[in-house]
């Protein structure tokens, strides 16, 4: 493709499109070729074996699971009804938006107890 683009009147964009690649990539290859940085055709290249695996999620601690469940429950409640609890103490702000229910108060009180 690079050599084809060197011929007079040849459009780099058309060569790229015909070969199913982005024209910017072909422009980059032309630049590398001009500086002698492309491997000539027929010259062997080194191949490295690769194995693709699914990432293993980090195990969630029990405390994180509980916090996530509480957070999800509070968010769900907030979306169902209007209301808010906002407490500001020295060095901490607690905002709980949603229904001011017993469950929401428990979340606030437990957060305050940890201080």
C-alpha atoms as a PDB file:
ATOM      1  CA  UNK A   1       0.000   0.000   0.000  1.00  0.00           C
ATOM      2  CA  UNK A   2       2.844   2.388   0.831  1.00  0.00           C
ATOM      3  CA  UNK A   3       4.550   1.722  -2.498  1.00  0.00           C
ATOM      4  CA  UNK A   4       1.244   2.102  -4.313  1.00  0.00           C
ATOM      5  CA  UNK A   5       0.819   5.558  -2.776  1.00  0.00           C
ATOM      6  CA  UNK A   6       4.175   6.656  -4.194  1.00  0.00           C
ATOM      7  CA  UNK A   7       2.870   6.445  -7.752  1.00  0.00           C
ATOM      8  CA  UNK A   8       1.854   9.766  -9.337  1.00  0.00           C
ATOM      9  CA  UNK A   9      -1.843  10.626  -9.118  1.00  0.00           C
ATOM     10  CA  UNK A  10      -2.663   7.980  -6.506  1.00  0.00           C
ATOM     11  CA  UNK A  11      -4.911   9.075  -3.637  1.00  0.00           C
ATOM     12  CA  UNK A  12      -3.748   7.857  -0.220  1.00  0.00           C
ATOM     13  CA  UNK A  13      -7.322   8.101   1.061  1.00  0.00           C
ATOM     14  CA  UNK A  14      -8.625   5.906  -1.780  1.00  0.00           C
ATOM     15  CA  UNK A  15      -5.892   3.288  -1.247  1.00  0.00           C
ATOM     16  CA  UNK A  16      -6.707   3.219   2.459  1.00  0.00           C
ATOM     17  CA  UNK A  17     -10.441   2.940   1.850  1.00  0.00           C
ATOM     18  CA  UNK A  18     -10.001   0.160  -0.713  1.00  0.00           C
ATOM     19  CA  UNK A  19      -7.896  -1.796   1.806  1.00  0.00           C
ATOM     20  CA  UNK A  20     -10.226  -1.144   4.745  1.00  0.00           C
ATOM     21  CA  UNK A  21      -7.839   0.916   6.884  1.00  0.00           C
ATOM     22  CA  UNK A  22      -7.877   4.457   8.204  1.00  0.00           C
ATOM     23  CA  UNK A  23      -6.108   6.930   5.923  1.00  0.00           C
ATOM     24  CA  UNK A  24      -4.208   8.371   8.904  1.00  0.00           C
ATOM     25  CA  UNK A  25      -2.641   4.946   9.479  1.00  0.00           C
ATOM     26  CA  UNK A  26      -1.469   4.791   5.878  1.00  0.00           C
ATOM     27  CA  UNK A  27      -0.021   8.309   6.141  1.00  0.00           C
ATOM     28  CA  UNK A  28       1.883   7.153   9.255  1.00  0.00           C
ATOM     29  CA  UNK A  29       3.199   4.091   7.400  1.00  0.00           C
ATOM     30  CA  UNK A  30       4.360   6.324   4.534  1.00  0.00           C
ATOM     31  CA  UNK A  31       6.230   8.540   6.969  1.00  0.00           C
ATOM     32  CA  UNK A  32       7.875   5.522   8.646  1.00  0.00           C
ATOM     33  CA  UNK A  33       8.789   4.118   5.248  1.00  0.00           C
ATOM     34  CA  UNK A  34      10.372   7.424   4.223  1.00  0.00           C
ATOM     35  CA  UNK A  35      12.582   7.248   7.341  1.00  0.00           C
ATOM     36  CA  UNK A  36      13.475   3.577   6.785  1.00  0.00           C
ATOM     37  CA  UNK A  37      11.538   2.436   9.841  1.00  0.00           C
ATOM     38  CA  UNK A  38       9.173  -0.064   8.201  1.00  0.00           C
ATOM     39  CA  UNK A  39      10.128  -3.731   7.896  1.00  0.00           C
ATOM     40  CA  UNK A  40      10.416  -4.581   4.170  1.00  0.00           C
ATOM     41  CA  UNK A  41       7.947  -7.126   2.785  1.00  0.00           C
ATOM     42  CA  UNK A  42       9.235 -10.686   2.981  1.00  0.00           C
ATOM     43  CA  UNK A  43      11.513  -9.940   5.917  1.00  0.00           C
ATOM     44  CA  UNK A  44      10.577 -12.086   8.925  1.00  0.00           C
ATOM     45  CA  UNK A  45       9.215 -10.371  11.990  1.00  0.00           C
ATOM     46  CA  UNK A  46       9.255 -11.659  15.545  1.00  0.00           C
ATOM     47  CA  UNK A  47       5.950 -12.981  16.817  1.00  0.00           C
ATOM     48  CA  UNK A  48       5.117 -13.263  20.481  1.00  0.00           C
ATOM     49  CA  UNK A  49       2.508 -15.719  21.773  1.00  0.00           C
ATOM     50  CA  UNK A  50      -0.471 -13.980  23.374  1.00  0.00           C
ATOM     51  CA  UNK A  51      -3.276 -15.391  25.489  1.00  0.00           C
ATOM     52  CA  UNK A  52      -6.419 -13.323  26.025  1.00  0.00           C
ATOM     53  CA  UNK A  53      -8.185 -13.949  29.318  1.00  0.00           C
ATOM     54  CA  UNK A  54     -11.145 -12.424  31.073  1.00  0.00           C
ATOM     55  CA  UNK A  55     -10.074 -10.121  33.911  1.00  0.00           C
ATOM     56  CA  UNK A  56     -10.760 -11.562  37.327  1.00  0.00           C
ATOM     57  CA  UNK A  57     -12.755  -9.151  39.466  1.00  0.00           C
ATOM     58  CA  UNK A  58     -11.269  -8.358  42.848  1.00  0.00           C
ATOM     59  CA  UNK A  59     -13.142 -10.112  45.622  1.00  0.00           C
ATOM     60  CA  UNK A  60     -15.533  -7.763  47.362  1.00  0.00           C
ATOM     61  CA  UNK A  61     -15.213  -7.597  51.118  1.00  0.00           C
ATOM     62  CA  UNK A  62     -18.265  -8.174  53.265  1.00  0.00           C
ATOM     63  CA  UNK A  63     -18.119  -4.572  54.475  1.00  0.00           C
ATOM     64  CA  UNK A  64     -18.082  -3.251  50.893  1.00  0.00           C
ATOM     65  CA  UNK A  65     -21.029  -5.489  50.008  1.00  0.00           C
ATOM     66  CA  UNK A  66     -23.024  -4.124  52.960  1.00  0.00           C
ATOM     67  CA  UNK A  67     -22.162  -0.511  52.076  1.00  0.00           C
ATOM     68  CA  UNK A  68     -23.145  -1.099  48.447  1.00  0.00           C
ATOM     69  CA  UNK A  69     -26.476  -2.631  49.491  1.00  0.00           C
ATOM     70  CA  UNK A  70     -27.176   0.255  51.877  1.00  0.00           C
ATOM     71  CA  UNK A  71     -26.212   2.795  49.238  1.00  0.00           C
ATOM     72  CA  UNK A  72     -28.403   1.120  46.625  1.00  0.00           C
ATOM     73  CA  UNK A  73     -31.350   0.952  49.033  1.00  0.00           C
ATOM     74  CA  UNK A  74     -30.946   4.620  49.929  1.00  0.00           C
ATOM     75  CA  UNK A  75     -30.675   5.632  46.272  1.00  0.00           C
ATOM     76  CA  UNK A  76     -33.785   3.624  45.381  1.00  0.00           C
ATOM     77  CA  UNK A  77     -35.709   5.265  48.211  1.00  0.00           C
ATOM     78  CA  UNK A  78     -34.525   8.712  47.130  1.00  0.00           C
ATOM     79  CA  UNK A  79     -35.802   8.158  43.638  1.00  0.00           C
ATOM     80  CA  UNK A  80     -39.225   7.097  44.876  1.00  0.00           C
ATOM     81  CA  UNK A  81     -39.972  10.085  47.114  1.00  0.00           C
ATOM     82  CA  UNK A  82     -38.745  13.568  47.898  1.00  0.00           C
ATOM     83  CA  UNK A  83     -37.064  14.679  51.120  1.00  0.00           C
ATOM     84  CA  UNK A  84     -33.641  15.137  52.579  1.00  0.00           C
ATOM     85  CA  UNK A  85     -31.512  14.812  55.656  1.00  0.00           C
ATOM     86  CA  UNK A  86     -28.452  17.030  55.779  1.00  0.00           C
ATOM     87  CA  UNK A  87     -26.160  17.060  58.790  1.00  0.00           C
ATOM     88  CA  UNK A  88     -23.011  19.122  59.003  1.00  0.00           C
ATOM     89  CA  UNK A  89     -20.512  18.512  61.795  1.00  0.00           C
ATOM     90  CA  UNK A  90     -16.925  19.609  62.258  1.00  0.00           C
ATOM     91  CA  UNK A  91     -15.006  17.799  59.552  1.00  0.00           C
ATOM     92  CA  UNK A  92     -17.973  15.919  58.083  1.00  0.00           C
ATOM     93  CA  UNK A  93     -21.068  16.479  55.995  1.00  0.00           C
ATOM     94  CA  UNK A  94     -23.763  13.882  55.573  1.00  0.00           C
ATOM     95  CA  UNK A  95     -26.359  14.338  52.859  1.00  0.00           C
ATOM     96  CA  UNK A  96     -29.178  11.852  52.562  1.00  0.00           C
ATOM     97  CA  UNK A  97     -31.703  12.756  49.905  1.00  0.00           C
ATOM     98  CA  UNK A  98     -34.921  10.851  49.538  1.00  0.00           C
ATOM     99  CA  UNK A  99     -37.604   9.657  51.876  1.00  0.00           C
ATOM    100  CA  UNK A 100     -36.863  10.365  55.527  1.00  0.00           C
ATOM    101  CA  UNK A 101     -37.723   6.905  56.688  1.00  0.00           C
ATOM    102  CA  UNK A 102     -36.556   4.696  59.520  1.00  0.00           C
ATOM    103  CA  UNK A 103     -34.125   2.944  57.148  1.00  0.00           C
ATOM    104  CA  UNK A 104     -32.622   6.271  56.082  1.00  0.00           C
ATOM    105  CA  UNK A 105     -32.289   7.416  59.678  1.00  0.00           C
ATOM    106  CA  UNK A 106     -30.484   4.168  60.536  1.00  0.00           C
ATOM    107  CA  UNK A 107     -27.968   4.838  57.772  1.00  0.00           C
ATOM    108  CA  UNK A 108     -27.346   8.354  59.095  1.00  0.00           C
ATOM    109  CA  UNK A 109     -27.052   7.224  62.713  1.00  0.00           C
ATOM    110  CA  UNK A 110     -24.636   4.417  61.854  1.00  0.00           C
ATOM    111  CA  UNK A 111     -22.484   6.843  59.878  1.00  0.00           C
ATOM    112  CA  UNK A 112     -22.425   9.207  62.856  1.00  0.00           C
ATOM    113  CA  UNK A 113     -21.625   6.374  65.264  1.00  0.00           C
ATOM    114  CA  UNK A 114     -18.497   5.531  63.253  1.00  0.00           C
ATOM    115  CA  UNK A 115     -17.102   8.977  63.979  1.00  0.00           C
END
